[in-house]
Amino acid sequence: MPPHTDHARWFAEEVQPHEAALRGYLHRQFPSVEADDVVQESYLKLWRAGAKVDSAKAYFFTVARNTALTLFRRRRIFSDVPVNDLPEWRVVDAAPDAPTVAEKRQRLELAVAALDQLPPRCREICVLAALEQVAPAEIALRLGLAESTVYVQLARGVKQCARYLREREETR
């Protein structure tokens, strides 16, 4: 259309004067979207529509808002970065899922119950060895026992815990 038409005059008088306000709105509402792209795309859509409306400002802002939302959604869905190049924290959540957490909690509760059924001295030795990772020689020194006694108690504790766990597994 030649620049002297009513459409061009309407566009210049009713739409373009609101560009500064629109840019401010876009920067506040959509800071991650490039305002220049949105404004130019909105101008193009308004020009092509060729419609004269009662409130050019409202129409201009609505078109720009919808354009910004489309660009924003497109950016969130599609990335220019290949999946292999994404940082690890963006690809996989290392936190275990709920079933895994529940299963681990059940296993821990069962292990604690197995340890609880041991005689006190045997339980103390097994807890030091299994949970605190203390070497049998160190356990013997701490408790004032012969190292061979620690090994015997560990063997008994492991055997009784294994039996306890097998029995519980059979009742599942």
C-alpha atoms as a PDB file:
ATOM      1  CA  MET A   1       0.000   0.000   0.000  1.00  0.00           C
ATOM      2  CA  PRO A   2       1.297   3.470  -0.763  1.00  0.00           C
ATOM      3  CA  PRO A   3       2.230   5.514   2.339  1.00  0.00           C
ATOM      4  CA  HIS A   4      -0.500   8.104   1.694  1.00  0.00           C
ATOM      5  CA  THR A   5      -3.412   5.724   2.301  1.00  0.00           C
ATOM      6  CA  ASP A   6      -5.738   5.839   5.258  1.00  0.00           C
ATOM      7  CA  HIS A   7      -4.220   2.625   6.539  1.00  0.00           C
ATOM      8  CA  ALA A   8      -0.725   4.115   6.694  1.00  0.00           C
ATOM      9  CA  ARG A   9      -2.009   7.265   8.379  1.00  0.00           C
ATOM     10  CA  TRP A  10      -3.991   5.204  10.928  1.00  0.00           C
ATOM     11  CA  PHE A  11      -0.917   3.102  11.574  1.00  0.00           C
ATOM     12  CA  ALA A  12       1.344   6.143  12.047  1.00  0.00           C
ATOM     13  CA  GLU A  13      -1.130   8.078  14.195  1.00  0.00           C
ATOM     14  CA  GLU A  14      -2.864   5.364  16.221  1.00  0.00           C
ATOM     15  CA  VAL A  15      -0.343   2.519  16.572  1.00  0.00           C
ATOM     16  CA  GLN A  16       3.243   3.776  16.417  1.00  0.00           C
ATOM     17  CA  PRO A  17       2.912   6.400  19.193  1.00  0.00           C
ATOM     18  CA  HIS A  18       2.427   3.553  21.691  1.00  0.00           C
ATOM     19  CA  GLU A  19       5.730   1.824  20.896  1.00  0.00           C
ATOM     20  CA  ALA A  20       7.653   3.264  23.875  1.00  0.00           C
ATOM     21  CA  ALA A  21       4.933   2.231  26.335  1.00  0.00           C
ATOM     22  CA  LEU A  22       4.780  -1.205  24.739  1.00  0.00           C
ATOM     23  CA  ARG A  23       8.540  -1.671  25.056  1.00  0.00           C
ATOM     24  CA  GLY A  24       8.342  -0.793  28.757  1.00  0.00           C
ATOM     25  CA  TYR A  25       5.508  -3.263  29.229  1.00  0.00           C
ATOM     26  CA  LEU A  26       7.431  -6.001  27.432  1.00  0.00           C
ATOM     27  CA  HIS A  27      10.585  -5.411  29.484  1.00  0.00           C
ATOM     28  CA  ARG A  28       8.575  -5.679  32.708  1.00  0.00           C
ATOM     29  CA  GLN A  29       6.387  -8.627  31.765  1.00  0.00           C
ATOM     30  CA  PHE A  30       8.752 -10.629  29.542  1.00  0.00           C
ATOM     31  CA  PRO A  31      12.329  -9.716  30.488  1.00  0.00           C
ATOM     32  CA  SER A  32      13.806 -12.779  28.762  1.00  0.00           C
ATOM     33  CA  VAL A  33      12.099 -12.055  25.416  1.00  0.00           C
ATOM     34  CA  GLU A  34      13.747  -9.658  22.959  1.00  0.00           C
ATOM     35  CA  ALA A  35      11.440  -6.604  22.851  1.00  0.00           C
ATOM     36  CA  ASP A  36      12.648  -5.528  19.375  1.00  0.00           C
ATOM     37  CA  ASP A  37      11.544  -8.833  17.886  1.00  0.00           C
ATOM     38  CA  VAL A  38       8.144  -8.649  19.543  1.00  0.00           C
ATOM     39  CA  VAL A  39       7.527  -5.047  18.486  1.00  0.00           C
ATOM     40  CA  GLN A  40       8.511  -5.713  14.874  1.00  0.00           C
ATOM     41  CA  GLU A  41       6.432  -8.891  14.727  1.00  0.00           C
ATOM     42  CA  SER A  42       3.468  -7.017  16.225  1.00  0.00           C
ATOM     43  CA  TYR A  43       3.823  -4.194  13.696  1.00  0.00           C
ATOM     44  CA  LEU A  44       3.841  -6.741  10.892  1.00  0.00           C
ATOM     45  CA  LYS A  45       0.743  -8.516  12.219  1.00  0.00           C
ATOM     46  CA  LEU A  46      -1.128  -5.230  12.642  1.00  0.00           C
ATOM     47  CA  TRP A  47      -0.118  -4.005   9.200  1.00  0.00           C
ATOM     48  CA  ARG A  48      -1.169  -7.253   7.546  1.00  0.00           C
ATOM     49  CA  ALA A  49      -4.461  -7.355   9.443  1.00  0.00           C
ATOM     50  CA  GLY A  50      -5.288  -3.926   8.096  1.00  0.00           C
ATOM     51  CA  ALA A  51      -8.139  -3.589  10.557  1.00  0.00           C
ATOM     52  CA  LYS A  52      -9.060  -0.318  12.103  1.00  0.00           C
ATOM     53  CA  VAL A  53     -10.217  -0.947  15.611  1.00  0.00           C
ATOM     54  CA  ASP A  54     -11.725   1.253  18.305  1.00  0.00           C
ATOM     55  CA  SER A  55      -8.639   1.056  20.518  1.00  0.00           C
ATOM     56  CA  ALA A  56      -5.447   0.685  18.514  1.00  0.00           C
ATOM     57  CA  LYS A  57      -3.384   0.768  21.713  1.00  0.00           C
ATOM     58  CA  ALA A  58      -5.264  -2.135  23.291  1.00  0.00           C
ATOM     59  CA  TYR A  59      -5.101  -4.101  20.065  1.00  0.00           C
ATOM     60  CA  PHE A  60      -1.358  -3.373  19.684  1.00  0.00           C
ATOM     61  CA  PHE A  61      -0.648  -4.485  23.262  1.00  0.00           C
ATOM     62  CA  THR A  62      -2.751  -7.627  22.871  1.00  0.00           C
ATOM     63  CA  VAL A  63      -0.988  -8.628  19.662  1.00  0.00           C
ATOM     64  CA  ALA A  64       2.401  -7.937  21.287  1.00  0.00           C
ATOM     65  CA  ARG A  65       1.493  -9.886  24.416  1.00  0.00           C
ATOM     66  CA  ASN A  66       0.395 -12.905  22.394  1.00  0.00           C
ATOM     67  CA  THR A  67       3.531 -12.681  20.269  1.00  0.00           C
ATOM     68  CA  ALA A  68       5.743 -12.504  23.371  1.00  0.00           C
ATOM     69  CA  LEU A  69       3.968 -15.478  24.919  1.00  0.00           C
ATOM     70  CA  THR A  70       4.472 -17.484  21.742  1.00  0.00           C
ATOM     71  CA  LEU A  71       8.189 -16.630  21.665  1.00  0.00           C
ATOM     72  CA  PHE A  72       8.519 -17.347  25.368  1.00  0.00           C
ATOM     73  CA  ARG A  73       6.840 -20.745  25.065  1.00  0.00           C
ATOM     74  CA  ARG A  74       8.873 -21.624  22.005  1.00  0.00           C
ATOM     75  CA  ARG A  75      12.097 -20.855  23.900  1.00  0.00           C
ATOM     76  CA  ARG A  76      11.037 -22.972  26.857  1.00  0.00           C
ATOM     77  CA  ILE A  77      10.162 -25.948  24.695  1.00  0.00           C
ATOM     78  CA  PHE A  78      12.976 -25.864  22.183  1.00  0.00           C
ATOM     79  CA  SER A  79      16.602 -25.209  22.926  1.00  0.00           C
ATOM     80  CA  ASP A  80      19.444 -24.375  20.563  1.00  0.00           C
ATOM     81  CA  VAL A  81      21.764 -26.404  22.795  1.00  0.00           C
ATOM     82  CA  PRO A  82      22.022 -30.128  21.986  1.00  0.00           C
ATOM     83  CA  VAL A  83      21.099 -32.433  24.864  1.00  0.00           C
ATOM     84  CA  ASN A  84      24.667 -33.764  25.010  1.00  0.00           C
ATOM     85  CA  ASP A  85      25.958 -30.235  25.668  1.00  0.00           C
ATOM     86  CA  LEU A  86      23.555 -29.434  28.515  1.00  0.00           C
ATOM     87  CA  PRO A  87      25.031 -29.275  31.999  1.00  0.00           C
ATOM     88  CA  GLU A  88      24.407 -32.452  33.940  1.00  0.00           C
ATOM     89  CA  TRP A  89      22.063 -30.709  36.399  1.00  0.00           C
ATOM     90  CA  ARG A  90      19.726 -29.821  33.513  1.00  0.00           C
ATOM     91  CA  VAL A  91      19.558 -33.353  32.121  1.00  0.00           C
ATOM     92  CA  VAL A  92      19.101 -35.687  35.067  1.00  0.00           C
ATOM     93  CA  ASP A  93      17.747 -35.161  38.513  1.00  0.00           C
ATOM     94  CA  ALA A  94      20.115 -37.085  40.748  1.00  0.00           C
ATOM     95  CA  ALA A  95      17.565 -37.244  43.549  1.00  0.00           C
ATOM     96  CA  PRO A  96      16.019 -40.682  43.903  1.00  0.00           C
ATOM     97  CA  ASP A  97      12.358 -41.089  43.077  1.00  0.00           C
ATOM     98  CA  ALA A  98       9.729 -41.812  45.736  1.00  0.00           C
ATOM     99  CA  PRO A  99       9.616 -45.630  45.284  1.00  0.00           C
ATOM    100  CA  THR A 100      13.408 -45.845  45.608  1.00  0.00           C
ATOM    101  CA  VAL A 101      13.370 -43.722  48.759  1.00  0.00           C
ATOM    102  CA  ALA A 102      10.576 -45.836  50.243  1.00  0.00           C
ATOM    103  CA  GLU A 103      12.393 -49.074  49.440  1.00  0.00           C
ATOM    104  CA  LYS A 104      15.649 -47.813  50.972  1.00  0.00           C
ATOM    105  CA  ARG A 105      13.791 -46.663  54.074  1.00  0.00           C
ATOM    106  CA  GLN A 106      12.164 -50.105  54.422  1.00  0.00           C
ATOM    107  CA  ARG A 107      15.520 -51.843  54.016  1.00  0.00           C
ATOM    108  CA  LEU A 108      17.111 -49.587  56.617  1.00  0.00           C
ATOM    109  CA  GLU A 109      14.268 -50.219  59.060  1.00  0.00           C
ATOM    110  CA  LEU A 110      14.621 -53.945  58.490  1.00  0.00           C
ATOM    111  CA  ALA A 111      18.408 -53.785  59.011  1.00  0.00           C
ATOM    112  CA  VAL A 112      17.932 -51.818  62.236  1.00  0.00           C
ATOM    113  CA  ALA A 113      15.375 -54.382  63.423  1.00  0.00           C
ATOM    114  CA  ALA A 114      17.838 -57.186  62.606  1.00  0.00           C
ATOM    115  CA  LEU A 115      20.565 -55.455  64.602  1.00  0.00           C
ATOM    116  CA  ASP A 116      18.172 -54.779  67.481  1.00  0.00           C
ATOM    117  CA  GLN A 117      17.489 -58.501  67.942  1.00  0.00           C
ATOM    118  CA  LEU A 118      21.200 -59.220  68.570  1.00  0.00           C
ATOM    119  CA  PRO A 119      22.589 -59.564  72.107  1.00  0.00           C
ATOM    120  CA  PRO A 120      23.967 -56.216  73.361  1.00  0.00           C
ATOM    121  CA  ARG A 121      27.733 -56.931  72.985  1.00  0.00           C
ATOM    122  CA  CYS A 122      27.253 -58.525  69.544  1.00  0.00           C
ATOM    123  CA  ARG A 123      25.057 -55.593  68.442  1.00  0.00           C
ATOM    124  CA  GLU A 124      27.665 -53.078  69.627  1.00  0.00           C
ATOM    125  CA  ILE A 125      30.419 -54.817  67.661  1.00  0.00           C
ATOM    126  CA  CYS A 126      28.294 -55.181  64.516  1.00  0.00           C
ATOM    127  CA  VAL A 127      27.208 -51.536  64.620  1.00  0.00           C
ATOM    128  CA  LEU A 128      30.811 -50.367  64.986  1.00  0.00           C
ATOM    129  CA  ALA A 129      31.962 -52.589  62.129  1.00  0.00           C
ATOM    130  CA  ALA A 130      29.062 -52.214  59.694  1.00  0.00           C
ATOM    131  CA  LEU A 131      27.723 -48.741  60.265  1.00  0.00           C
ATOM    132  CA  GLU A 132      30.739 -46.840  61.554  1.00  0.00           C
ATOM    133  CA  GLN A 133      33.282 -48.735  59.430  1.00  0.00           C
ATOM    134  CA  VAL A 134      35.618 -49.377  62.378  1.00  0.00           C
ATOM    135  CA  ALA A 135      38.241 -52.098  61.794  1.00  0.00           C
ATOM    136  CA  PRO A 136      38.062 -55.224  64.003  1.00  0.00           C
ATOM    137  CA  ALA A 137      41.462 -54.435  65.574  1.00  0.00           C
ATOM    138  CA  GLU A 138      40.215 -50.957  66.561  1.00  0.00           C
ATOM    139  CA  ILE A 139      36.973 -52.423  67.949  1.00  0.00           C
ATOM    140  CA  ALA A 140      39.013 -54.831  70.069  1.00  0.00           C
ATOM    141  CA  LEU A 141      41.066 -51.934  71.457  1.00  0.00           C
ATOM    142  CA  ARG A 142      38.013 -49.758  72.153  1.00  0.00           C
ATOM    143  CA  LEU A 143      36.077 -52.489  73.924  1.00  0.00           C
ATOM    144  CA  GLY A 144      39.017 -54.191  75.625  1.00  0.00           C
ATOM    145  CA  LEU A 145      38.442 -57.488  73.838  1.00  0.00           C
ATOM    146  CA  ALA A 146      40.643 -59.945  72.005  1.00  0.00           C
ATOM    147  CA  GLU A 147      40.567 -59.419  68.239  1.00  0.00           C
ATOM    148  CA  SER A 148      39.479 -63.027  67.781  1.00  0.00           C
ATOM    149  CA  THR A 149      36.454 -62.343  70.019  1.00  0.00           C
ATOM    150  CA  VAL A 150      35.479 -59.449  67.762  1.00  0.00           C
ATOM    151  CA  TYR A 151      35.672 -61.721  64.706  1.00  0.00           C
ATOM    152  CA  VAL A 152      33.573 -64.408  66.423  1.00  0.00           C
ATOM    153  CA  GLN A 153      30.946 -61.842  67.472  1.00  0.00           C
ATOM    154  CA  LEU A 154      30.865 -60.369  63.949  1.00  0.00           C
ATOM    155  CA  ALA A 155      30.349 -63.815  62.451  1.00  0.00           C
ATOM    156  CA  ARG A 156      27.529 -64.568  64.897  1.00  0.00           C
ATOM    157  CA  GLY A 157      25.925 -61.185  64.299  1.00  0.00           C
ATOM    158  CA  VAL A 158      26.055 -61.512  60.512  1.00  0.00           C
ATOM    159  CA  LYS A 159      24.632 -65.039  60.699  1.00  0.00           C
ATOM    160  CA  GLN A 160      21.758 -64.013  63.003  1.00  0.00           C
ATOM    161  CA  CYS A 161      20.977 -60.889  60.947  1.00  0.00           C
ATOM    162  CA  ALA A 162      20.959 -62.928  57.728  1.00  0.00           C
ATOM    163  CA  ARG A 163      18.546 -65.432  59.298  1.00  0.00           C
ATOM    164  CA  TYR A 164      16.327 -62.600  60.551  1.00  0.00           C
ATOM    165  CA  LEU A 165      16.234 -60.996  57.082  1.00  0.00           C
ATOM    166  CA  ARG A 166      15.538 -64.338  55.346  1.00  0.00           C
ATOM    167  CA  GLU A 167      12.613 -65.007  57.668  1.00  0.00           C
ATOM    168  CA  ARG A 168      11.157 -61.581  56.959  1.00  0.00           C
ATOM    169  CA  GLU A 169      11.660 -62.010  53.228  1.00  0.00           C
ATOM    170  CA  GLU A 170       9.753 -65.318  53.285  1.00  0.00           C
ATOM    171  CA  THR A 171       6.740 -63.682  54.947  1.00  0.00           C
ATOM    172  CA  ARG A 172       6.429 -60.992  52.262  1.00  0.00           C
END
